[in-house]
Amino acid sequence: MDNLKGDIGLEPDDILKIKTVFMEYPQLDSVLIYGSRAKGNYRPASDIDLTLIGEDLTSSMLSEIEFKLDDLLLPYKFDISIYDKITDARFLDHINRIGKEFYRKQN
């Protein structure tokens, strides 16, 4: 599964579809997956927690990405944030400890 170590409970085809959405955004350097899927204690209905890393990421871009992921009609709920806009120190600590690289822009 590319950069992912361990099982995150997603089908390889679904991972590719999600990454294809991210490839449309050159501002996006990487995406981290965190939460139960990164820890390995997810359930089939667990959401996919992702945070976006990159320069010049905006709230409107975040909304656009959320819509495109929703349009994939995958059986998952997405919880997406922009890393640089997170202000909760404990939340950032959790992402930094648990987070795994889900996507990295290819140069």
PDB file of N, CA and C in Angstrom:
ATOM      1  N   MET A   1       0.827  -1.196   0.000  1.00  0.00           N
ATOM      2  CA  MET A   1       0.000   0.000   0.000  1.00  0.00           C
ATOM      3  C   MET A   1       0.863   1.248   0.000  1.00  0.00           C
ATOM      4  N   ASP A   2       1.780   1.357  -0.871  1.00  0.00           N
ATOM      5  CA  ASP A   2       2.634   2.539  -0.978  1.00  0.00           C
ATOM      6  C   ASP A   2       3.316   2.843   0.347  1.00  0.00           C
ATOM      7  N   ASN A   3       3.082   4.039   0.873  1.00  0.00           N
ATOM      8  CA  ASN A   3       3.777   4.509   2.063  1.00  0.00           C
ATOM      9  C   ASN A   3       3.144   3.996   3.351  1.00  0.00           C
ATOM     10  N   LEU A   4       2.011   3.339   3.265  1.00  0.00           N
ATOM     11  CA  LEU A   4       1.299   2.911   4.466  1.00  0.00           C
ATOM     12  C   LEU A   4       1.905   1.631   5.013  1.00  0.00           C
ATOM     13  N   LYS A   5       2.139   1.641   6.311  1.00  0.00           N
ATOM     14  CA  LYS A   5       2.606   0.436   6.987  1.00  0.00           C
ATOM     15  C   LYS A   5       1.469  -0.049   7.865  1.00  0.00           C
ATOM     16  N   GLY A   6       1.148  -1.313   7.744  1.00  0.00           N
ATOM     17  CA  GLY A   6       0.046  -1.854   8.532  1.00  0.00           C
ATOM     18  C   GLY A   6      -1.276  -1.714   7.795  1.00  0.00           C
ATOM     19  N   ASP A   7      -2.271  -2.330   8.364  1.00  0.00           N
ATOM     20  CA  ASP A   7      -3.586  -2.374   7.744  1.00  0.00           C
ATOM     21  C   ASP A   7      -4.428  -1.190   8.199  1.00  0.00           C
ATOM     22  N   ILE A   8      -5.024  -0.478   7.239  1.00  0.00           N
ATOM     23  CA  ILE A   8      -5.917   0.632   7.578  1.00  0.00           C
ATOM     24  C   ILE A   8      -7.362   0.311   7.211  1.00  0.00           C
ATOM     25  N   GLY A   9      -7.608  -0.916   6.746  1.00  0.00           N
ATOM     26  CA  GLY A   9      -8.973  -1.352   6.499  1.00  0.00           C
ATOM     27  C   GLY A   9      -9.622  -0.791   5.257  1.00  0.00           C
ATOM     28  N   LEU A  10      -8.818  -0.422   4.266  1.00  0.00           N
ATOM     29  CA  LEU A  10      -9.361   0.097   3.009  1.00  0.00           C
ATOM     30  C   LEU A  10      -8.895  -0.782   1.859  1.00  0.00           C
ATOM     31  N   GLU A  11      -9.776  -0.978   0.900  1.00  0.00           N
ATOM     32  CA  GLU A  11      -9.427  -1.758  -0.279  1.00  0.00           C
ATOM     33  C   GLU A  11      -8.418  -0.982  -1.128  1.00  0.00           C
ATOM     34  N   PRO A  12      -7.454  -1.671  -1.749  1.00  0.00           N
ATOM     35  CA  PRO A  12      -6.472  -0.980  -2.594  1.00  0.00           C
ATOM     36  C   PRO A  12      -7.105  -0.107  -3.681  1.00  0.00           C
ATOM     37  N   ASP A  13      -8.191  -0.572  -4.291  1.00  0.00           N
ATOM     38  CA  ASP A  13      -8.870   0.232  -5.316  1.00  0.00           C
ATOM     39  C   ASP A  13      -9.447   1.512  -4.720  1.00  0.00           C
ATOM     40  N   ASP A  14      -9.964   1.428  -3.512  1.00  0.00           N
ATOM     41  CA  ASP A  14     -10.519   2.613  -2.850  1.00  0.00           C
ATOM     42  C   ASP A  14      -9.412   3.604  -2.496  1.00  0.00           C
ATOM     43  N   ILE A  15      -8.273   3.089  -2.042  1.00  0.00           N
ATOM     44  CA  ILE A  15      -7.133   3.957  -1.738  1.00  0.00           C
ATOM     45  C   ILE A  15      -6.713   4.711  -2.994  1.00  0.00           C
ATOM     46  N   LEU A  16      -6.646   4.009  -4.112  1.00  0.00           N
ATOM     47  CA  LEU A  16      -6.256   4.643  -5.375  1.00  0.00           C
ATOM     48  C   LEU A  16      -7.251   5.727  -5.782  1.00  0.00           C
ATOM     49  N   LYS A  17      -8.537   5.457  -5.636  1.00  0.00           N
ATOM     50  CA  LYS A  17      -9.555   6.458  -5.979  1.00  0.00           C
ATOM     51  C   LYS A  17      -9.401   7.711  -5.121  1.00  0.00           C
ATOM     52  N   ILE A  18      -9.155   7.525  -3.842  1.00  0.00           N
ATOM     53  CA  ILE A  18      -8.989   8.659  -2.929  1.00  0.00           C
ATOM     54  C   ILE A  18      -7.743   9.455  -3.312  1.00  0.00           C
ATOM     55  N   LYS A  19      -6.640   8.754  -3.561  1.00  0.00           N
ATOM     56  CA  LYS A  19      -5.396   9.433  -3.930  1.00  0.00           C
ATOM     57  C   LYS A  19      -5.536  10.183  -5.249  1.00  0.00           C
ATOM     58  N   THR A  20      -6.342   9.666  -6.162  1.00  0.00           N
ATOM     59  CA  THR A  20      -6.553  10.333  -7.446  1.00  0.00           C
ATOM     60  C   THR A  20      -7.178  11.708  -7.242  1.00  0.00           C
ATOM     61  N   VAL A  21      -8.067  11.836  -6.272  1.00  0.00           N
ATOM     62  CA  VAL A  21      -8.637  13.152  -5.946  1.00  0.00           C
ATOM     63  C   VAL A  21      -7.524  14.085  -5.476  1.00  0.00           C
ATOM     64  N   PHE A  22      -6.656  13.606  -4.604  1.00  0.00           N
ATOM     65  CA  PHE A  22      -5.583  14.450  -4.074  1.00  0.00           C
ATOM     66  C   PHE A  22      -4.613  14.899  -5.166  1.00  0.00           C
ATOM     67  N   MET A  23      -4.412  14.061  -6.166  1.00  0.00           N
ATOM     68  CA  MET A  23      -3.489  14.389  -7.258  1.00  0.00           C
ATOM     69  C   MET A  23      -3.933  15.615  -8.055  1.00  0.00           C
ATOM     70  N   GLU A  24      -5.201  15.971  -7.963  1.00  0.00           N
ATOM     71  CA  GLU A  24      -5.723  17.132  -8.695  1.00  0.00           C
ATOM     72  C   GLU A  24      -5.292  18.459  -8.080  1.00  0.00           C
ATOM     73  N   TYR A  25      -4.663  18.424  -6.912  1.00  0.00           N
ATOM     74  CA  TYR A  25      -4.333  19.645  -6.175  1.00  0.00           C
ATOM     75  C   TYR A  25      -2.821  19.779  -5.995  1.00  0.00           C
ATOM     76  N   PRO A  26      -2.175  20.571  -6.857  1.00  0.00           N
ATOM     77  CA  PRO A  26      -0.719  20.723  -6.755  1.00  0.00           C
ATOM     78  C   PRO A  26      -0.265  21.373  -5.446  1.00  0.00           C
ATOM     79  N   GLN A  27      -1.151  22.096  -4.779  1.00  0.00           N
ATOM     80  CA  GLN A  27      -0.807  22.726  -3.496  1.00  0.00           C
ATOM     81  C   GLN A  27      -0.657  21.686  -2.382  1.00  0.00           C
ATOM     82  N   LEU A  28      -1.202  20.526  -2.606  1.00  0.00           N
ATOM     83  CA  LEU A  28      -1.235  19.475  -1.597  1.00  0.00           C
ATOM     84  C   LEU A  28       0.069  18.680  -1.640  1.00  0.00           C
ATOM     85  N   ASP A  29       0.873  18.800  -0.581  1.00  0.00           N
ATOM     86  CA  ASP A  29       2.147  18.077  -0.519  1.00  0.00           C
ATOM     87  C   ASP A  29       1.968  16.655  -0.001  1.00  0.00           C
ATOM     88  N   SER A  30       1.156  16.510   1.033  1.00  0.00           N
ATOM     89  CA  SER A  30       0.931  15.182   1.597  1.00  0.00           C
ATOM     90  C   SER A  30      -0.375  15.163   2.385  1.00  0.00           C
ATOM     91  N   VAL A  31      -0.806  13.947   2.687  1.00  0.00           N
ATOM     92  CA  VAL A  31      -2.014  13.732   3.481  1.00  0.00           C
ATOM     93  C   VAL A  31      -1.677  12.664   4.516  1.00  0.00           C
ATOM     94  N   LEU A  32      -2.038  12.946   5.760  1.00  0.00           N
ATOM     95  CA  LEU A  32      -1.844  11.975   6.834  1.00  0.00           C
ATOM     96  C   LEU A  32      -3.180  11.358   7.205  1.00  0.00           C
ATOM     97  N   ILE A  33      -3.159  10.054   7.463  1.00  0.00           N
ATOM     98  CA  ILE A  33      -4.326   9.372   8.007  1.00  0.00           C
ATOM     99  C   ILE A  33      -4.043   9.148   9.493  1.00  0.00           C
ATOM    100  N   TYR A  34      -5.045   9.357  10.319  1.00  0.00           N
ATOM    101  CA  TYR A  34      -4.873   9.208  11.762  1.00  0.00           C
ATOM    102  C   TYR A  34      -6.143   8.592  12.330  1.00  0.00           C
ATOM    103  N   GLY A  35      -6.230   8.498  13.627  1.00  0.00           N
ATOM    104  CA  GLY A  35      -7.412   7.917  14.253  1.00  0.00           C
ATOM    105  C   GLY A  35      -7.371   6.402  14.236  1.00  0.00           C
ATOM    106  N   SER A  36      -8.545   5.799  14.322  1.00  0.00           N
ATOM    107  CA  SER A  36      -8.627   4.344  14.473  1.00  0.00           C
ATOM    108  C   SER A  36      -8.031   3.592  13.291  1.00  0.00           C
ATOM    109  N   ARG A  37      -8.149   4.128  12.102  1.00  0.00           N
ATOM    110  CA  ARG A  37      -7.585   3.424  10.942  1.00  0.00           C
ATOM    111  C   ARG A  37      -6.060   3.415  10.988  1.00  0.00           C
ATOM    112  N   ALA A  38      -5.459   4.483  11.461  1.00  0.00           N
ATOM    113  CA  ALA A  38      -3.997   4.520  11.586  1.00  0.00           C
ATOM    114  C   ALA A  38      -3.525   3.653  12.750  1.00  0.00           C
ATOM    115  N   LYS A  39      -4.326   3.601  13.814  1.00  0.00           N
ATOM    116  CA  LYS A  39      -3.951   2.800  14.986  1.00  0.00           C
ATOM    117  C   LYS A  39      -4.187   1.312  14.759  1.00  0.00           C
ATOM    118  N   GLY A  40      -5.057   0.976  13.809  1.00  0.00           N
ATOM    119  CA  GLY A  40      -5.345  -0.424  13.537  1.00  0.00           C
ATOM    120  C   GLY A  40      -6.502  -0.983  14.339  1.00  0.00           C
ATOM    121  N   ASN A  41      -7.219  -0.132  15.078  1.00  0.00           N
ATOM    122  CA  ASN A  41      -8.362  -0.626  15.858  1.00  0.00           C
ATOM    123  C   ASN A  41      -9.691  -0.129  15.283  1.00  0.00           C
ATOM    124  N   TYR A  42      -9.729   0.028  13.979  1.00  0.00           N
ATOM    125  CA  TYR A  42     -10.921   0.491  13.268  1.00  0.00           C
ATOM    126  C   TYR A  42     -11.966  -0.617  13.197  1.00  0.00           C
ATOM    127  N   ARG A  43     -13.174  -0.213  12.860  1.00  0.00           N
ATOM    128  CA  ARG A  43     -14.272  -1.137  12.552  1.00  0.00           C
ATOM    129  C   ARG A  43     -14.642  -0.911  11.094  1.00  0.00           C
ATOM    130  N   PRO A  44     -15.399  -1.807  10.496  1.00  0.00           N
ATOM    131  CA  PRO A  44     -15.763  -1.602   9.089  1.00  0.00           C
ATOM    132  C   PRO A  44     -16.430  -0.250   8.825  1.00  0.00           C
ATOM    133  N   ALA A  45     -17.197   0.253   9.780  1.00  0.00           N
ATOM    134  CA  ALA A  45     -17.911   1.521   9.573  1.00  0.00           C
ATOM    135  C   ALA A  45     -17.126   2.740  10.073  1.00  0.00           C
ATOM    136  N   SER A  46     -15.879   2.538  10.504  1.00  0.00           N
ATOM    137  CA  SER A  46     -15.087   3.666  11.001  1.00  0.00           C
ATOM    138  C   SER A  46     -14.866   4.698   9.907  1.00  0.00           C
ATOM    139  N   ASP A  47     -14.870   5.965  10.326  1.00  0.00           N
ATOM    140  CA  ASP A  47     -14.617   7.013   9.343  1.00  0.00           C
ATOM    141  C   ASP A  47     -13.134   7.035   8.984  1.00  0.00           C
ATOM    142  N   ILE A  48     -12.813   7.829   7.970  1.00  0.00           N
ATOM    143  CA  ILE A  48     -11.434   7.988   7.525  1.00  0.00           C
ATOM    144  C   ILE A  48     -11.010   9.394   7.921  1.00  0.00           C
ATOM    145  N   ASP A  49     -10.101   9.474   8.888  1.00  0.00           N
ATOM    146  CA  ASP A  49      -9.609  10.757   9.382  1.00  0.00           C
ATOM    147  C   ASP A  49      -8.358  11.137   8.606  1.00  0.00           C
ATOM    148  N   LEU A  50      -8.423  12.259   7.903  1.00  0.00           N
ATOM    149  CA  LEU A  50      -7.308  12.714   7.079  1.00  0.00           C
ATOM    150  C   LEU A  50      -7.018  14.176   7.358  1.00  0.00           C
ATOM    151  N   THR A  51      -5.747  14.540   7.346  1.00  0.00           N
ATOM    152  CA  THR A  51      -5.385  15.952   7.423  1.00  0.00           C
ATOM    153  C   THR A  51      -4.462  16.287   6.258  1.00  0.00           C
ATOM    154  N   LEU A  52      -4.709  17.434   5.661  1.00  0.00           N
ATOM    155  CA  LEU A  52      -4.014  17.868   4.455  1.00  0.00           C
ATOM    156  C   LEU A  52      -2.835  18.759   4.819  1.00  0.00           C
ATOM    157  N   ILE A  53      -1.710  18.540   4.156  1.00  0.00           N
ATOM    158  CA  ILE A  53      -0.510  19.334   4.401  1.00  0.00           C
ATOM    159  C   ILE A  53      -0.057  19.952   3.083  1.00  0.00           C
ATOM    160  N   GLY A  54       0.167  21.257   3.108  1.00  0.00           N
ATOM    161  CA  GLY A  54       0.635  21.953   1.917  1.00  0.00           C
ATOM    162  C   GLY A  54       0.489  23.447   2.076  1.00  0.00           C
ATOM    163  N   GLU A  55       1.099  24.178   1.166  1.00  0.00           N
ATOM    164  CA  GLU A  55       1.031  25.640   1.202  1.00  0.00           C
ATOM    165  C   GLU A  55      -0.227  26.109   0.486  1.00  0.00           C
ATOM    166  N   ASP A  56      -0.766  27.200   0.960  1.00  0.00           N
ATOM    167  CA  ASP A  56      -1.906  27.862   0.312  1.00  0.00           C
ATOM    168  C   ASP A  56      -3.164  27.002   0.250  1.00  0.00           C
ATOM    169  N   LEU A  57      -3.351  26.113   1.211  1.00  0.00           N
ATOM    170  CA  LEU A  57      -4.590  25.340   1.273  1.00  0.00           C
ATOM    171  C   LEU A  57      -5.664  26.218   1.909  1.00  0.00           C
ATOM    172  N   THR A  58      -6.847  26.216   1.322  1.00  0.00           N
ATOM    173  CA  THR A  58      -7.929  27.078   1.793  1.00  0.00           C
ATOM    174  C   THR A  58      -9.131  26.249   2.225  1.00  0.00           C
ATOM    175  N   SER A  59     -10.029  26.901   2.938  1.00  0.00           N
ATOM    176  CA  SER A  59     -11.267  26.237   3.354  1.00  0.00           C
ATOM    177  C   SER A  59     -12.112  25.851   2.150  1.00  0.00           C
ATOM    178  N   SER A  60     -12.116  26.687   1.121  1.00  0.00           N
ATOM    179  CA  SER A  60     -12.906  26.349  -0.071  1.00  0.00           C
ATOM    180  C   SER A  60     -12.303  25.138  -0.788  1.00  0.00           C
ATOM    181  N   MET A  61     -10.986  25.030  -0.783  1.00  0.00           N
ATOM    182  CA  MET A  61     -10.332  23.864  -1.374  1.00  0.00           C
ATOM    183  C   MET A  61     -10.679  22.612  -0.568  1.00  0.00           C
ATOM    184  N   LEU A  62     -10.694  22.747   0.748  1.00  0.00           N
ATOM    185  CA  LEU A  62     -11.070  21.634   1.615  1.00  0.00           C
ATOM    186  C   LEU A  62     -12.484  21.169   1.293  1.00  0.00           C
ATOM    187  N   SER A  63     -13.407  22.105   1.145  1.00  0.00           N
ATOM    188  CA  SER A  63     -14.795  21.761   0.805  1.00  0.00           C
ATOM    189  C   SER A  63     -14.876  21.069  -0.544  1.00  0.00           C
ATOM    190  N   GLU A  64     -14.116  21.562  -1.498  1.00  0.00           N
ATOM    191  CA  GLU A  64     -14.104  20.960  -2.838  1.00  0.00           C
ATOM    192  C   GLU A  64     -13.598  19.521  -2.777  1.00  0.00           C
ATOM    193  N   ILE A  65     -12.539  19.295  -2.020  1.00  0.00           N
ATOM    194  CA  ILE A  65     -12.003  17.941  -1.864  1.00  0.00           C
ATOM    195  C   ILE A  65     -13.034  17.038  -1.188  1.00  0.00           C
ATOM    196  N   GLU A  66     -13.707  17.559  -0.168  1.00  0.00           N
ATOM    197  CA  GLU A  66     -14.745  16.772   0.509  1.00  0.00           C
ATOM    198  C   GLU A  66     -15.854  16.374  -0.461  1.00  0.00           C
ATOM    199  N   PHE A  67     -16.281  17.302  -1.317  1.00  0.00           N
ATOM    200  CA  PHE A  67     -17.323  16.990  -2.303  1.00  0.00           C
ATOM    201  C   PHE A  67     -16.845  15.924  -3.283  1.00  0.00           C
ATOM    202  N   LYS A  68     -15.612  16.050  -3.745  1.00  0.00           N
ATOM    203  CA  LYS A  68     -15.088  15.071  -4.708  1.00  0.00           C
ATOM    204  C   LYS A  68     -14.957  13.687  -4.079  1.00  0.00           C
ATOM    205  N   LEU A  69     -14.535  13.633  -2.830  1.00  0.00           N
ATOM    206  CA  LEU A  69     -14.455  12.340  -2.150  1.00  0.00           C
ATOM    207  C   LEU A  69     -15.849  11.749  -1.957  1.00  0.00           C
ATOM    208  N   ASP A  70     -16.809  12.583  -1.623  1.00  0.00           N
ATOM    209  CA  ASP A  70     -18.189  12.129  -1.471  1.00  0.00           C
ATOM    210  C   ASP A  70     -18.735  11.600  -2.795  1.00  0.00           C
ATOM    211  N   ASP A  71     -18.358  12.240  -3.890  1.00  0.00           N
ATOM    212  CA  ASP A  71     -18.816  11.815  -5.216  1.00  0.00           C
ATOM    213  C   ASP A  71     -18.261  10.452  -5.630  1.00  0.00           C
ATOM    214  N   LEU A  72     -17.223   9.985  -4.953  1.00  0.00           N
ATOM    215  CA  LEU A  72     -16.683   8.658  -5.258  1.00  0.00           C
ATOM    216  C   LEU A  72     -17.652   7.551  -4.848  1.00  0.00           C
ATOM    217  N   LEU A  73     -18.617   7.896  -3.997  1.00  0.00           N
ATOM    218  CA  LEU A  73     -19.628   6.945  -3.512  1.00  0.00           C
ATOM    219  C   LEU A  73     -19.009   5.726  -2.828  1.00  0.00           C
ATOM    220  N   LEU A  74     -17.942   5.972  -2.079  1.00  0.00           N
ATOM    221  CA  LEU A  74     -17.322   4.901  -1.306  1.00  0.00           C
ATOM    222  C   LEU A  74     -18.103   4.712  -0.006  1.00  0.00           C
ATOM    223  N   PRO A  75     -18.033   3.524   0.577  1.00  0.00           N
ATOM    224  CA  PRO A  75     -18.821   3.261   1.795  1.00  0.00           C
ATOM    225  C   PRO A  75     -18.158   3.764   3.081  1.00  0.00           C
ATOM    226  N   TYR A  76     -17.543   4.940   3.009  1.00  0.00           N
ATOM    227  CA  TYR A  76     -16.859   5.500   4.170  1.00  0.00           C
ATOM    228  C   TYR A  76     -17.273   6.950   4.362  1.00  0.00           C
ATOM    229  N   LYS A  77     -17.225   7.395   5.611  1.00  0.00           N
ATOM    230  CA  LYS A  77     -17.401   8.810   5.930  1.00  0.00           C
ATOM    231  C   LYS A  77     -15.998   9.396   6.097  1.00  0.00           C
ATOM    232  N   PHE A  78     -15.786  10.574   5.542  1.00  0.00           N
ATOM    233  CA  PHE A  78     -14.488  11.231   5.631  1.00  0.00           C
ATOM    234  C   PHE A  78     -14.546  12.370   6.641  1.00  0.00           C
ATOM    235  N   ASP A  79     -13.499  12.479   7.441  1.00  0.00           N
ATOM    236  CA  ASP A  79     -13.316  13.608   8.348  1.00  0.00           C
ATOM    237  C   ASP A  79     -11.979  14.232   7.950  1.00  0.00           C
ATOM    238  N   ILE A  80     -12.036  15.404   7.311  1.00  0.00           N
ATOM    239  CA  ILE A  80     -10.843  15.992   6.704  1.00  0.00           C
ATOM    240  C   ILE A  80     -10.567  17.358   7.316  1.00  0.00           C
ATOM    241  N   SER A  81      -9.290  17.628   7.547  1.00  0.00           N
ATOM    242  CA  SER A  81      -8.867  18.918   8.094  1.00  0.00           C
ATOM    243  C   SER A  81      -7.623  19.397   7.352  1.00  0.00           C
ATOM    244  N   ILE A  82      -7.293  20.667   7.574  1.00  0.00           N
ATOM    245  CA  ILE A  82      -6.041  21.228   7.073  1.00  0.00           C
ATOM    246  C   ILE A  82      -5.099  21.321   8.271  1.00  0.00           C
ATOM    247  N   TYR A  83      -3.990  20.642   8.198  1.00  0.00           N
ATOM    248  CA  TYR A  83      -3.064  20.531   9.325  1.00  0.00           C
ATOM    249  C   TYR A  83      -2.692  21.898   9.900  1.00  0.00           C
ATOM    250  N   ASP A  84      -2.319  22.834   9.044  1.00  0.00           N
ATOM    251  CA  ASP A  84      -1.866  24.150   9.512  1.00  0.00           C
ATOM    252  C   ASP A  84      -2.966  24.984  10.159  1.00  0.00           C
ATOM    253  N   LYS A  85      -4.219  24.593  10.007  1.00  0.00           N
ATOM    254  CA  LYS A  85      -5.318  25.358  10.588  1.00  0.00           C
ATOM    255  C   LYS A  85      -5.830  24.742  11.899  1.00  0.00           C
ATOM    256  N   ILE A  86      -5.232  23.634  12.317  1.00  0.00           N
ATOM    257  CA  ILE A  86      -5.626  22.990  13.572  1.00  0.00           C
ATOM    258  C   ILE A  86      -4.988  23.757  14.730  1.00  0.00           C
ATOM    259  N   THR A  87      -5.815  24.158  15.689  1.00  0.00           N
ATOM    260  CA  THR A  87      -5.314  24.942  16.822  1.00  0.00           C
ATOM    261  C   THR A  87      -5.284  24.160  18.136  1.00  0.00           C
ATOM    262  N   ASP A  88      -5.925  23.023  18.180  1.00  0.00           N
ATOM    263  CA  ASP A  88      -5.973  22.205  19.396  1.00  0.00           C
ATOM    264  C   ASP A  88      -4.652  21.432  19.539  1.00  0.00           C
ATOM    265  N   ALA A  89      -3.862  21.777  20.546  1.00  0.00           N
ATOM    266  CA  ALA A  89      -2.541  21.173  20.737  1.00  0.00           C
ATOM    267  C   ALA A  89      -2.620  19.662  20.960  1.00  0.00           C
ATOM    268  N   ARG A  90      -3.624  19.208  21.698  1.00  0.00           N
ATOM    269  CA  ARG A  90      -3.754  17.758  21.939  1.00  0.00           C
ATOM    270  C   ARG A  90      -4.105  17.016  20.655  1.00  0.00           C
ATOM    271  N   PHE A  91      -4.939  17.639  19.839  1.00  0.00           N
ATOM    272  CA  PHE A  91      -5.308  17.044  18.552  1.00  0.00           C
ATOM    273  C   PHE A  91      -4.075  16.945  17.655  1.00  0.00           C
ATOM    274  N   LEU A  92      -3.279  18.005  17.590  1.00  0.00           N
ATOM    275  CA  LEU A  92      -2.044  17.982  16.800  1.00  0.00           C
ATOM    276  C   LEU A  92      -1.084  16.919  17.320  1.00  0.00           C
ATOM    277  N   ASP A  93      -0.989  16.793  18.634  1.00  0.00           N
ATOM    278  CA  ASP A  93      -0.118  15.778  19.217  1.00  0.00           C
ATOM    279  C   ASP A  93      -0.571  14.382  18.797  1.00  0.00           C
ATOM    280  N   HIS A  94      -1.878  14.150  18.818  1.00  0.00           N
ATOM    281  CA  HIS A  94      -2.425  12.855  18.386  1.00  0.00           C
ATOM    282  C   HIS A  94      -2.048  12.572  16.931  1.00  0.00           C
ATOM    283  N   ILE A  95      -2.245  13.553  16.065  1.00  0.00           N
ATOM    284  CA  ILE A  95      -1.912  13.371  14.644  1.00  0.00           C
ATOM    285  C   ILE A  95      -0.422  13.098  14.482  1.00  0.00           C
ATOM    286  N   ASN A  96       0.413  13.840  15.188  1.00  0.00           N
ATOM    287  CA  ASN A  96       1.864  13.665  15.073  1.00  0.00           C
ATOM    288  C   ASN A  96       2.332  12.310  15.594  1.00  0.00           C
ATOM    289  N   ARG A  97       1.663  11.778  16.607  1.00  0.00           N
ATOM    290  CA  ARG A  97       2.037  10.474  17.161  1.00  0.00           C
ATOM    291  C   ARG A  97       1.485   9.316  16.342  1.00  0.00           C
ATOM    292  N   ILE A  98       0.223   9.416  15.947  1.00  0.00           N
ATOM    293  CA  ILE A  98      -0.497   8.299  15.343  1.00  0.00           C
ATOM    294  C   ILE A  98      -0.487   8.352  13.812  1.00  0.00           C
ATOM    295  N   GLY A  99      -0.407   9.551  13.277  1.00  0.00           N
ATOM    296  CA  GLY A  99      -0.579   9.736  11.837  1.00  0.00           C
ATOM    297  C   GLY A  99       0.412   8.963  10.982  1.00  0.00           C
ATOM    298  N   LYS A 100      -0.098   8.472   9.864  1.00  0.00           N
ATOM    299  CA  LYS A 100       0.710   7.773   8.864  1.00  0.00           C
ATOM    300  C   LYS A 100       0.523   8.489   7.535  1.00  0.00           C
ATOM    301  N   GLU A 101       1.570   8.520   6.761  1.00  0.00           N
ATOM    302  CA  GLU A 101       1.460   9.156   5.453  1.00  0.00           C
ATOM    303  C   GLU A 101       0.545   8.328   4.555  1.00  0.00           C
ATOM    304  N   PHE A 102      -0.503   8.956   4.078  1.00  0.00           N
ATOM    305  CA  PHE A 102      -1.468   8.308   3.195  1.00  0.00           C
ATOM    306  C   PHE A 102      -1.173   8.656   1.739  1.00  0.00           C
ATOM    307  N   TYR A 103      -0.727   9.888   1.515  1.00  0.00           N
ATOM    308  CA  TYR A 103      -0.467  10.379   0.158  1.00  0.00           C
ATOM    309  C   TYR A 103       0.697  11.355   0.204  1.00  0.00           C
ATOM    310  N   ARG A 104       1.550  11.306  -0.816  1.00  0.00           N
ATOM    311  CA  ARG A 104       2.614  12.292  -0.993  1.00  0.00           C
ATOM    312  C   ARG A 104       2.668  12.660  -2.468  1.00  0.00           C
ATOM    313  N   LYS A 105       2.743  13.964  -2.721  1.00  0.00           N
ATOM    314  CA  LYS A 105       2.813  14.467  -4.092  1.00  0.00           C
ATOM    315  C   LYS A 105       4.087  13.953  -4.755  1.00  0.00           C
ATOM    316  N   GLN A 106       3.937  13.514  -5.993  1.00  0.00           N
ATOM    317  CA  GLN A 106       5.088  13.068  -6.781  1.00  0.00           C
ATOM    318  C   GLN A 106       5.648  14.250  -7.549  1.00  0.00           C
ATOM    319  N   ASN A 107       6.954  14.438  -7.479  1.00  0.00           N
ATOM    320  CA  ASN A 107       7.583  15.561  -8.196  1.00  0.00           C
ATOM    321  C   ASN A 107       7.988  15.181  -9.593  1.00  0.00           C
TER     322      ASN A 107
END
